[in-house]
C-alpha cells in the first residue's frame, strides 16, 4: 500500500476501494469478485488497485485487520487476560452481531478465502500475543487442536445463529456461546 495515508489521493482511493468492496460483496460471493471488478467499481485503474493491494486476498486481510483493530480498541475490555475465555467469546459474538451486512456475509460464506476462519484465527493470535498462554502446557500440537476447536465452535455457532434468522436474542446467544466454549455441552445438560 502507498505509505502516506494523509495524502488526499491515497485516502480517496482507499475509500473508493472500500466502497467498491462493500458493494460487490453484497452483490456476489467473494470468490467471484475479481480485481477488474473492484477497479471498475472504484473507478480506478487496475494498476492503482495493485499499488494499494498485491491481491484480492491482501484486500481481505486488510479488512480483517480493520475489523480486529476496531474490536480490540473499542470493545475488548480484557485483551491481556487470556483466561477470560467466556468474556472474549461473548464480546466478540456481540461485536460481530452488530457489524454491517457485508461483514456478516464475508464471515458466513466460506470460500477459497475463508474470511470467518481467518478472522477468528486473528482474534486468537492477538490474545495469545498479549498474555500468558493458558494452553501452552499442552505442547504445540495439542494446543493447536484446542485452539482450532474453540475457533471452529465459535465460528460455526455464529454462522448457525445467522442462518437460523437470529431468532435467539444477541445477549442470550452470546451467553450460551460463552457457556459452551468454557464448559462444553455438559455445562448445559440437565
C-alpha atoms as a PDB file:
ATOM      1  CA  UNK A   1       0.000   0.000   0.000  1.00  0.00           C
ATOM      2  CA  UNK A   2       1.156   3.539  -0.544  1.00  0.00           C
ATOM      3  CA  UNK A   3       2.789   4.826   2.595  1.00  0.00           C
ATOM      4  CA  UNK A   4       1.179   8.209   3.181  1.00  0.00           C
ATOM      5  CA  UNK A   5      -2.425   7.775   4.402  1.00  0.00           C
ATOM      6  CA  UNK A   6      -2.605  11.548   4.929  1.00  0.00           C
ATOM      7  CA  UNK A   7      -2.197  12.107   1.171  1.00  0.00           C
ATOM      8  CA  UNK A   8      -5.689  13.049  -0.017  1.00  0.00           C
ATOM      9  CA  UNK A   9      -5.321  10.994  -3.224  1.00  0.00           C
ATOM     10  CA  UNK A  10      -4.360   7.904  -1.256  1.00  0.00           C
ATOM     11  CA  UNK A  11      -7.242   8.403   1.189  1.00  0.00           C
ATOM     12  CA  UNK A  12      -9.776   8.896  -1.628  1.00  0.00           C
ATOM     13  CA  UNK A  13      -8.536   5.829  -3.477  1.00  0.00           C
ATOM     14  CA  UNK A  14      -8.751   3.677  -0.360  1.00  0.00           C
ATOM     15  CA  UNK A  15     -12.265   4.959   0.318  1.00  0.00           C
ATOM     16  CA  UNK A  16     -13.271   4.152  -3.265  1.00  0.00           C
ATOM     17  CA  UNK A  17     -11.802   0.641  -2.999  1.00  0.00           C
ATOM     18  CA  UNK A  18     -13.520   0.067   0.343  1.00  0.00           C
ATOM     19  CA  UNK A  19     -16.862   1.287  -1.011  1.00  0.00           C
ATOM     20  CA  UNK A  20     -16.473  -0.943  -4.096  1.00  0.00           C
ATOM     21  CA  UNK A  21     -15.540  -3.836  -1.833  1.00  0.00           C
ATOM     22  CA  UNK A  22     -18.692  -3.421   0.266  1.00  0.00           C
ATOM     23  CA  UNK A  23     -20.947  -3.069  -2.778  1.00  0.00           C
ATOM     24  CA  UNK A  24     -19.534  -6.070  -4.630  1.00  0.00           C
ATOM     25  CA  UNK A  25     -19.551  -8.379  -1.600  1.00  0.00           C
ATOM     26  CA  UNK A  26     -23.229  -7.572  -1.074  1.00  0.00           C
ATOM     27  CA  UNK A  27     -23.933  -8.426  -4.714  1.00  0.00           C
ATOM     28  CA  UNK A  28     -21.997 -11.665  -5.124  1.00  0.00           C
ATOM     29  CA  UNK A  29     -19.892 -14.271  -3.359  1.00  0.00           C
ATOM     30  CA  UNK A  30     -16.380 -13.128  -2.517  1.00  0.00           C
ATOM     31  CA  UNK A  31     -14.859 -15.940  -4.612  1.00  0.00           C
ATOM     32  CA  UNK A  32     -16.478 -14.500  -7.714  1.00  0.00           C
ATOM     33  CA  UNK A  33     -15.226 -10.914  -7.363  1.00  0.00           C
ATOM     34  CA  UNK A  34     -12.210 -10.005  -9.489  1.00  0.00           C
ATOM     35  CA  UNK A  35      -9.624  -7.255  -9.309  1.00  0.00           C
ATOM     36  CA  UNK A  36     -11.056  -5.947 -12.577  1.00  0.00           C
ATOM     37  CA  UNK A  37     -14.487  -5.584 -10.949  1.00  0.00           C
ATOM     38  CA  UNK A  38     -13.032  -3.861  -7.876  1.00  0.00           C
ATOM     39  CA  UNK A  39     -11.134  -1.447 -10.086  1.00  0.00           C
ATOM     40  CA  UNK A  40     -14.106  -0.710 -12.328  1.00  0.00           C
ATOM     41  CA  UNK A  41     -16.461  -0.195  -9.378  1.00  0.00           C
ATOM     42  CA  UNK A  42     -13.948   2.018  -7.565  1.00  0.00           C
ATOM     43  CA  UNK A  43     -13.321   3.882 -10.830  1.00  0.00           C
ATOM     44  CA  UNK A  44      -9.606   3.314 -10.666  1.00  0.00           C
ATOM     45  CA  UNK A  45      -7.117   1.593 -12.924  1.00  0.00           C
ATOM     46  CA  UNK A  46      -6.134  -1.997 -12.112  1.00  0.00           C
ATOM     47  CA  UNK A  47      -2.558  -0.807 -11.624  1.00  0.00           C
ATOM     48  CA  UNK A  48      -3.814   1.602  -8.961  1.00  0.00           C
ATOM     49  CA  UNK A  49      -5.504  -1.271  -7.167  1.00  0.00           C
ATOM     50  CA  UNK A  50      -2.190  -3.128  -7.171  1.00  0.00           C
ATOM     51  CA  UNK A  51      -0.423  -0.074  -5.736  1.00  0.00           C
ATOM     52  CA  UNK A  52      -2.645  -0.464  -2.693  1.00  0.00           C
ATOM     53  CA  UNK A  53      -3.045  -4.258  -2.517  1.00  0.00           C
ATOM     54  CA  UNK A  54      -0.936  -7.008  -4.035  1.00  0.00           C
ATOM     55  CA  UNK A  55      -4.005  -9.247  -4.447  1.00  0.00           C
ATOM     56  CA  UNK A  56      -7.663  -9.617  -3.570  1.00  0.00           C
ATOM     57  CA  UNK A  57      -6.561 -11.719  -0.596  1.00  0.00           C
ATOM     58  CA  UNK A  58      -4.464  -8.787   0.621  1.00  0.00           C
ATOM     59  CA  UNK A  59      -7.607  -6.640   0.446  1.00  0.00           C
ATOM     60  CA  UNK A  60      -9.464  -9.202   2.576  1.00  0.00           C
ATOM     61  CA  UNK A  61      -6.549  -9.314   5.027  1.00  0.00           C
ATOM     62  CA  UNK A  62      -6.698  -5.510   5.249  1.00  0.00           C
ATOM     63  CA  UNK A  63     -10.418  -5.700   6.053  1.00  0.00           C
ATOM     64  CA  UNK A  64      -9.770  -8.313   8.749  1.00  0.00           C
ATOM     65  CA  UNK A  65      -7.144  -6.034  10.273  1.00  0.00           C
ATOM     66  CA  UNK A  66      -9.616  -3.117  10.258  1.00  0.00           C
ATOM     67  CA  UNK A  67     -12.275  -5.212  11.996  1.00  0.00           C
ATOM     68  CA  UNK A  68      -9.894  -6.620  14.592  1.00  0.00           C
ATOM     69  CA  UNK A  69      -8.225  -3.261  15.275  1.00  0.00           C
ATOM     70  CA  UNK A  70     -11.641  -1.736  15.971  1.00  0.00           C
ATOM     71  CA  UNK A  71     -12.687  -4.666  18.131  1.00  0.00           C
ATOM     72  CA  UNK A  72      -9.568  -4.599  20.284  1.00  0.00           C
ATOM     73  CA  UNK A  73      -9.517  -0.801  20.532  1.00  0.00           C
ATOM     74  CA  UNK A  74     -13.181  -0.223  21.335  1.00  0.00           C
ATOM     75  CA  UNK A  75     -14.857  -3.434  22.515  1.00  0.00           C
ATOM     76  CA  UNK A  76     -12.430  -5.887  24.095  1.00  0.00           C
ATOM     77  CA  UNK A  77     -12.028  -4.978  27.763  1.00  0.00           C
ATOM     78  CA  UNK A  78      -9.660  -7.757  28.866  1.00  0.00           C
ATOM     79  CA  UNK A  79      -7.401  -8.490  25.883  1.00  0.00           C
ATOM     80  CA  UNK A  80      -4.422  -9.213  28.104  1.00  0.00           C
ATOM     81  CA  UNK A  81      -6.309 -11.801  30.188  1.00  0.00           C
ATOM     82  CA  UNK A  82      -6.215 -14.995  28.137  1.00  0.00           C
ATOM     83  CA  UNK A  83      -8.192 -16.871  30.789  1.00  0.00           C
ATOM     84  CA  UNK A  84     -11.251 -14.641  30.230  1.00  0.00           C
ATOM     85  CA  UNK A  85     -12.409 -17.045  27.551  1.00  0.00           C
ATOM     86  CA  UNK A  86     -16.103 -16.549  28.336  1.00  0.00           C
ATOM     87  CA  UNK A  87     -15.752 -12.765  28.190  1.00  0.00           C
ATOM     88  CA  UNK A  88     -13.826 -12.913  24.926  1.00  0.00           C
ATOM     89  CA  UNK A  89     -16.436 -15.212  23.366  1.00  0.00           C
ATOM     90  CA  UNK A  90     -19.362 -13.038  24.475  1.00  0.00           C
ATOM     91  CA  UNK A  91     -17.827  -9.725  23.460  1.00  0.00           C
ATOM     92  CA  UNK A  92     -16.662 -10.945  20.056  1.00  0.00           C
ATOM     93  CA  UNK A  93     -20.017 -12.575  19.265  1.00  0.00           C
ATOM     94  CA  UNK A  94     -21.858  -9.392  20.282  1.00  0.00           C
ATOM     95  CA  UNK A  95     -19.426  -7.294  18.248  1.00  0.00           C
ATOM     96  CA  UNK A  96     -19.864  -9.475  15.140  1.00  0.00           C
ATOM     97  CA  UNK A  97     -23.642  -9.403  15.553  1.00  0.00           C
ATOM     98  CA  UNK A  98     -23.512  -5.595  15.328  1.00  0.00           C
ATOM     99  CA  UNK A  99     -21.367  -5.492  12.177  1.00  0.00           C
ATOM    100  CA  UNK A 100     -22.761  -4.383   8.832  1.00  0.00           C
ATOM    101  CA  UNK A 101     -24.230  -6.911   6.403  1.00  0.00           C
ATOM    102  CA  UNK A 102     -21.055  -7.005   4.309  1.00  0.00           C
ATOM    103  CA  UNK A 103     -19.046  -8.366   7.254  1.00  0.00           C
ATOM    104  CA  UNK A 104     -21.774 -10.863   8.081  1.00  0.00           C
ATOM    105  CA  UNK A 105     -21.730 -12.134   4.504  1.00  0.00           C
ATOM    106  CA  UNK A 106     -17.949 -12.452   4.494  1.00  0.00           C
ATOM    107  CA  UNK A 107     -17.932 -14.364   7.789  1.00  0.00           C
ATOM    108  CA  UNK A 108     -20.868 -16.620   6.949  1.00  0.00           C
ATOM    109  CA  UNK A 109     -19.921 -17.614   3.398  1.00  0.00           C
ATOM    110  CA  UNK A 110     -16.746 -19.647   3.432  1.00  0.00           C
ATOM    111  CA  UNK A 111     -14.953 -19.957   0.143  1.00  0.00           C
ATOM    112  CA  UNK A 112     -11.416 -20.393  -1.061  1.00  0.00           C
ATOM    113  CA  UNK A 113     -10.550 -17.474   1.247  1.00  0.00           C
ATOM    114  CA  UNK A 114     -12.453 -18.349   4.422  1.00  0.00           C
ATOM    115  CA  UNK A 115     -12.813 -14.855   5.864  1.00  0.00           C
ATOM    116  CA  UNK A 116     -14.594 -16.100   9.003  1.00  0.00           C
ATOM    117  CA  UNK A 117     -11.905 -18.641   9.892  1.00  0.00           C
ATOM    118  CA  UNK A 118      -9.167 -16.099   9.288  1.00  0.00           C
ATOM    119  CA  UNK A 119     -10.981 -13.501  11.382  1.00  0.00           C
ATOM    120  CA  UNK A 120     -11.332 -15.859  14.340  1.00  0.00           C
ATOM    121  CA  UNK A 121      -7.733 -17.022  13.898  1.00  0.00           C
ATOM    122  CA  UNK A 122      -6.503 -13.412  14.019  1.00  0.00           C
ATOM    123  CA  UNK A 123      -8.533 -12.815  17.174  1.00  0.00           C
ATOM    124  CA  UNK A 124      -6.985 -15.804  18.970  1.00  0.00           C
ATOM    125  CA  UNK A 125      -3.460 -14.974  17.867  1.00  0.00           C
ATOM    126  CA  UNK A 126      -3.852 -11.438  19.215  1.00  0.00           C
ATOM    127  CA  UNK A 127      -4.907 -12.796  22.606  1.00  0.00           C
ATOM    128  CA  UNK A 128      -2.047 -15.251  22.546  1.00  0.00           C
ATOM    129  CA  UNK A 129       0.466 -12.481  21.837  1.00  0.00           C
ATOM    130  CA  UNK A 130      -0.795 -10.328  24.723  1.00  0.00           C
ATOM    131  CA  UNK A 131      -0.674 -12.655  27.701  1.00  0.00           C
ATOM    132  CA  UNK A 132       0.408 -15.921  29.160  1.00  0.00           C
ATOM    133  CA  UNK A 133      -0.916 -18.716  27.012  1.00  0.00           C
ATOM    134  CA  UNK A 134      -3.187 -20.905  29.194  1.00  0.00           C
ATOM    135  CA  UNK A 135      -2.891 -23.836  26.803  1.00  0.00           C
ATOM    136  CA  UNK A 136       0.862 -23.888  26.177  1.00  0.00           C
ATOM    137  CA  UNK A 137       1.360 -26.579  28.823  1.00  0.00           C
ATOM    138  CA  UNK A 138      -0.300 -28.990  26.373  1.00  0.00           C
ATOM    139  CA  UNK A 139       2.508 -28.706  23.857  1.00  0.00           C
ATOM    140  CA  UNK A 140       2.195 -27.152  20.414  1.00  0.00           C
ATOM    141  CA  UNK A 141       0.350 -29.975  18.654  1.00  0.00           C
ATOM    142  CA  UNK A 142      -2.359 -30.383  21.313  1.00  0.00           C
ATOM    143  CA  UNK A 143      -2.672 -26.639  21.811  1.00  0.00           C
ATOM    144  CA  UNK A 144      -3.272 -26.208  18.071  1.00  0.00           C
ATOM    145  CA  UNK A 145      -6.114 -28.734  18.280  1.00  0.00           C
ATOM    146  CA  UNK A 146      -7.688 -26.984  21.278  1.00  0.00           C
ATOM    147  CA  UNK A 147      -7.483 -23.553  19.654  1.00  0.00           C
ATOM    148  CA  UNK A 148      -8.866 -24.938  16.387  1.00  0.00           C
ATOM    149  CA  UNK A 149     -11.789 -26.468  18.321  1.00  0.00           C
ATOM    150  CA  UNK A 150     -12.562 -23.178  20.094  1.00  0.00           C
ATOM    151  CA  UNK A 151     -12.364 -21.176  16.855  1.00  0.00           C
ATOM    152  CA  UNK A 152     -14.450 -23.645  14.856  1.00  0.00           C
ATOM    153  CA  UNK A 153     -17.087 -23.858  17.586  1.00  0.00           C
ATOM    154  CA  UNK A 154     -17.441 -20.088  17.890  1.00  0.00           C
ATOM    155  CA  UNK A 155     -17.463 -19.550  14.128  1.00  0.00           C
ATOM    156  CA  UNK A 156     -19.983 -22.313  13.439  1.00  0.00           C
ATOM    157  CA  UNK A 157     -22.153 -21.055  16.308  1.00  0.00           C
ATOM    158  CA  UNK A 158     -22.198 -17.544  14.797  1.00  0.00           C
ATOM    159  CA  UNK A 159     -22.852 -18.844  11.279  1.00  0.00           C
ATOM    160  CA  UNK A 160     -25.684 -21.034  12.565  1.00  0.00           C
ATOM    161  CA  UNK A 161     -27.208 -18.155  14.507  1.00  0.00           C
ATOM    162  CA  UNK A 162     -27.227 -16.024  11.347  1.00  0.00           C
ATOM    163  CA  UNK A 163     -28.530 -18.879   9.154  1.00  0.00           C
ATOM    164  CA  UNK A 164     -31.377 -19.538  11.604  1.00  0.00           C
ATOM    165  CA  UNK A 165     -32.513 -15.926  11.284  1.00  0.00           C
ATOM    166  CA  UNK A 166     -31.000 -14.570  14.525  1.00  0.00           C
ATOM    167  CA  UNK A 167     -34.061 -15.790  16.418  1.00  0.00           C
ATOM    168  CA  UNK A 168     -32.228 -16.085  19.741  1.00  0.00           C
ATOM    169  CA  UNK A 169     -31.554 -12.580  21.113  1.00  0.00           C
ATOM    170  CA  UNK A 170     -27.909 -11.481  20.788  1.00  0.00           C
ATOM    171  CA  UNK A 171     -27.182 -11.363  24.530  1.00  0.00           C
ATOM    172  CA  UNK A 172     -28.712 -14.787  25.132  1.00  0.00           C
ATOM    173  CA  UNK A 173     -26.820 -16.307  22.206  1.00  0.00           C
ATOM    174  CA  UNK A 174     -23.561 -14.692  23.424  1.00  0.00           C
ATOM    175  CA  UNK A 175     -24.122 -16.100  26.933  1.00  0.00           C
ATOM    176  CA  UNK A 176     -24.834 -19.549  25.515  1.00  0.00           C
ATOM    177  CA  UNK A 177     -21.695 -19.429  23.362  1.00  0.00           C
ATOM    178  CA  UNK A 178     -19.593 -18.444  26.383  1.00  0.00           C
ATOM    179  CA  UNK A 179     -21.070 -21.257  28.454  1.00  0.00           C
ATOM    180  CA  UNK A 180     -20.448 -23.865  25.760  1.00  0.00           C
ATOM    181  CA  UNK A 181     -16.963 -22.541  24.976  1.00  0.00           C
ATOM    182  CA  UNK A 182     -15.883 -22.798  28.596  1.00  0.00           C
ATOM    183  CA  UNK A 183     -17.843 -25.823  29.800  1.00  0.00           C
ATOM    184  CA  UNK A 184     -18.693 -27.807  26.702  1.00  0.00           C
ATOM    185  CA  UNK A 185     -22.107 -29.347  26.146  1.00  0.00           C
ATOM    186  CA  UNK A 186     -22.016 -30.881  29.609  1.00  0.00           C
ATOM    187  CA  UNK A 187     -22.367 -27.384  31.114  1.00  0.00           C
ATOM    188  CA  UNK A 188     -25.899 -27.099  29.734  1.00  0.00           C
ATOM    189  CA  UNK A 189     -27.149 -30.665  30.197  1.00  0.00           C
ATOM    190  CA  UNK A 190     -29.935 -31.373  32.688  1.00  0.00           C
END
